[in-house]
Amino acid sequence: MRPRFLLDENMDRAIQRQLQRLNSEIDVKLVGDGEVPPRGTSDPDILMWIEHNDYILVTKNRKTMPKHFNEHLADGRHVPGILCIRKSVTMRELINILYLIWYASDVKEYWDRLVFIPL
């Protein structure tokens, strides 16, 4: 099964559009879209949502998300994965990285992992 992505609310919608242009089968949502958590949802609630809906979170939140991630796991919870975006990555690089993850990875490769990208 291929990974699905939830972009946090601070991500550019152009990332979503470009990924879907590369392949319309890529399931990528943006926080605030109709069927996902609304803008302003707390980090712990986002983690609960991705756990229940099997989406990998893509976020620029490098300050508080690692703390919430560790607390989530300490509570016996799980996540399909979190991809924290480094400051230095360009939009083009990010789109290419996400496409490669979608194309070449199994959904379980990121299970309970927080990965900073690019590596």
Protein backbone atom coordinates (compact mmCIF):
# COMPACT_ATOMS: atom_id res chain seq x y z
CA MET A 1 0.00 0.00 0.00
CA ARG A 2 1.31 3.44 -0.91
CA PRO A 3 1.72 6.21 1.67
CA ARG A 4 -0.88 8.96 2.00
CA PHE A 5 0.09 12.45 3.08
CA LEU A 6 -1.49 15.12 5.28
CA LEU A 7 0.19 18.50 4.81
CA ASP A 8 0.04 20.74 7.87
CA GLU A 9 -1.79 24.05 7.59
CA ASN A 10 1.42 26.01 7.04
CA MET A 11 2.31 24.12 3.86
CA ASP A 12 1.69 25.64 0.45
CA ARG A 13 -1.30 24.18 -1.41
CA ALA A 14 0.89 24.21 -4.54
CA ILE A 15 2.68 21.16 -3.09
CA GLN A 16 -0.60 19.27 -3.08
CA ARG A 17 -1.44 20.35 -6.62
CA GLN A 18 2.00 19.52 -8.00
CA LEU A 19 2.04 16.06 -6.42
CA GLN A 20 -1.36 15.29 -7.90
CA ARG A 21 -0.16 16.55 -11.29
CA LEU A 22 2.74 14.10 -11.11
CA ASN A 23 0.30 11.28 -10.40
CA SER A 24 -3.41 11.66 -9.77
CA GLU A 25 -3.34 8.56 -7.54
CA ILE A 26 -1.33 10.35 -4.85
CA ASP A 27 -3.59 10.87 -1.84
CA VAL A 28 -2.46 14.19 -0.37
CA LYS A 29 -4.64 16.42 1.78
CA LEU A 30 -4.06 19.78 3.43
CA VAL A 31 -5.19 20.55 7.00
CA GLY A 32 -8.34 22.61 6.56
CA ASP A 33 -9.65 20.60 3.58
CA GLY A 34 -13.19 19.37 4.14
CA GLU A 35 -12.59 15.80 5.29
CA VAL A 36 -9.49 16.40 7.44
CA PRO A 37 -8.91 18.38 10.65
CA PRO A 38 -9.66 22.10 10.40
CA ARG A 39 -7.01 24.82 10.53
CA GLY A 40 -5.99 25.54 14.11
CA THR A 41 -6.26 21.91 15.24
CA SER A 42 -3.76 21.15 18.01
CA ASP A 43 -0.70 18.98 17.34
CA PRO A 44 -1.96 16.17 19.65
CA ASP A 45 -5.30 16.12 17.82
CA ILE A 46 -3.53 16.02 14.43
CA LEU A 47 -1.52 13.03 15.66
CA MET A 48 -4.70 11.25 16.75
CA TRP A 49 -6.26 11.95 13.33
CA ILE A 50 -3.29 10.61 11.35
CA GLU A 51 -3.20 7.54 13.59
CA HIS A 52 -6.86 6.75 12.94
CA ASN A 53 -6.76 7.62 9.22
CA ASP A 54 -3.33 6.27 8.19
CA TYR A 55 -1.81 9.47 6.79
CA ILE A 56 1.84 10.49 7.10
CA LEU A 57 2.06 14.05 8.41
CA VAL A 58 4.24 16.48 6.46
CA THR A 59 5.11 19.47 8.64
CA LYS A 60 7.46 22.41 9.04
CA ASN A 61 6.83 22.30 12.80
CA ARG A 62 10.29 21.30 13.99
CA LYS A 63 9.91 22.92 17.43
CA THR A 64 6.86 21.36 19.08
CA MET A 65 5.97 18.39 16.88
CA PRO A 66 8.89 16.18 18.03
CA LYS A 67 7.79 16.72 21.67
CA HIS A 68 4.14 15.88 20.86
CA PHE A 69 5.28 12.89 18.81
CA ASN A 70 7.29 11.50 21.75
CA GLU A 71 4.38 12.07 24.14
CA HIS A 72 2.00 10.35 21.70
CA LEU A 73 4.24 7.26 21.55
CA ALA A 74 4.80 7.31 25.33
CA ASP A 75 1.01 7.12 25.76
CA GLY A 76 1.04 3.84 23.80
CA ARG A 77 -0.27 5.46 20.63
CA HIS A 78 1.13 5.10 17.11
CA VAL A 79 1.54 7.20 13.96
CA PRO A 80 1.97 6.24 10.31
CA GLY A 81 4.91 8.65 10.26
CA ILE A 82 5.91 12.29 10.44
CA LEU A 83 8.10 14.03 7.89
CA CYS A 84 9.58 17.24 9.31
CA ILE A 85 10.76 19.60 6.61
CA ARG A 86 14.14 21.26 7.10
CA LYS A 87 14.37 25.02 6.47
CA SER A 88 16.79 24.59 3.59
CA VAL A 89 14.50 22.50 1.35
CA THR A 90 12.97 24.16 -1.69
CA MET A 91 9.42 23.49 -2.80
CA ARG A 92 10.70 21.63 -5.87
CA GLU A 93 12.96 19.43 -3.71
CA LEU A 94 10.10 18.72 -1.31
CA ILE A 95 7.75 17.73 -4.11
CA ASN A 96 10.40 15.39 -5.55
CA ILE A 97 11.11 13.85 -2.13
CA LEU A 98 7.42 13.27 -1.40
CA TYR A 99 6.89 11.80 -4.86
CA LEU A 100 9.81 9.40 -4.36
CA ILE A 101 8.50 8.39 -0.93
CA TRP A 102 5.07 7.76 -2.43
CA TYR A 103 6.44 5.88 -5.43
CA ALA A 104 9.14 3.77 -3.79
CA SER A 105 8.00 3.26 -0.19
CA ASP A 106 5.59 1.03 1.60
CA VAL A 107 3.28 2.75 4.06
CA LYS A 108 4.79 0.80 6.99
CA GLU A 109 8.34 2.12 6.38
CA TYR A 110 7.58 5.28 8.36
CA TRP A 111 5.47 3.65 11.11
CA ASP A 112 6.18 5.36 14.46
CA ARG A 113 9.03 7.37 12.94
CA LEU A 114 9.72 11.08 12.78
CA VAL A 115 12.10 11.78 9.90
CA PHE A 116 13.72 15.10 9.00
CA ILE A 117 13.87 15.64 5.26
CA PRO A 118 15.94 15.89 3.30
CA LEU A 119 17.94 13.26 5.16
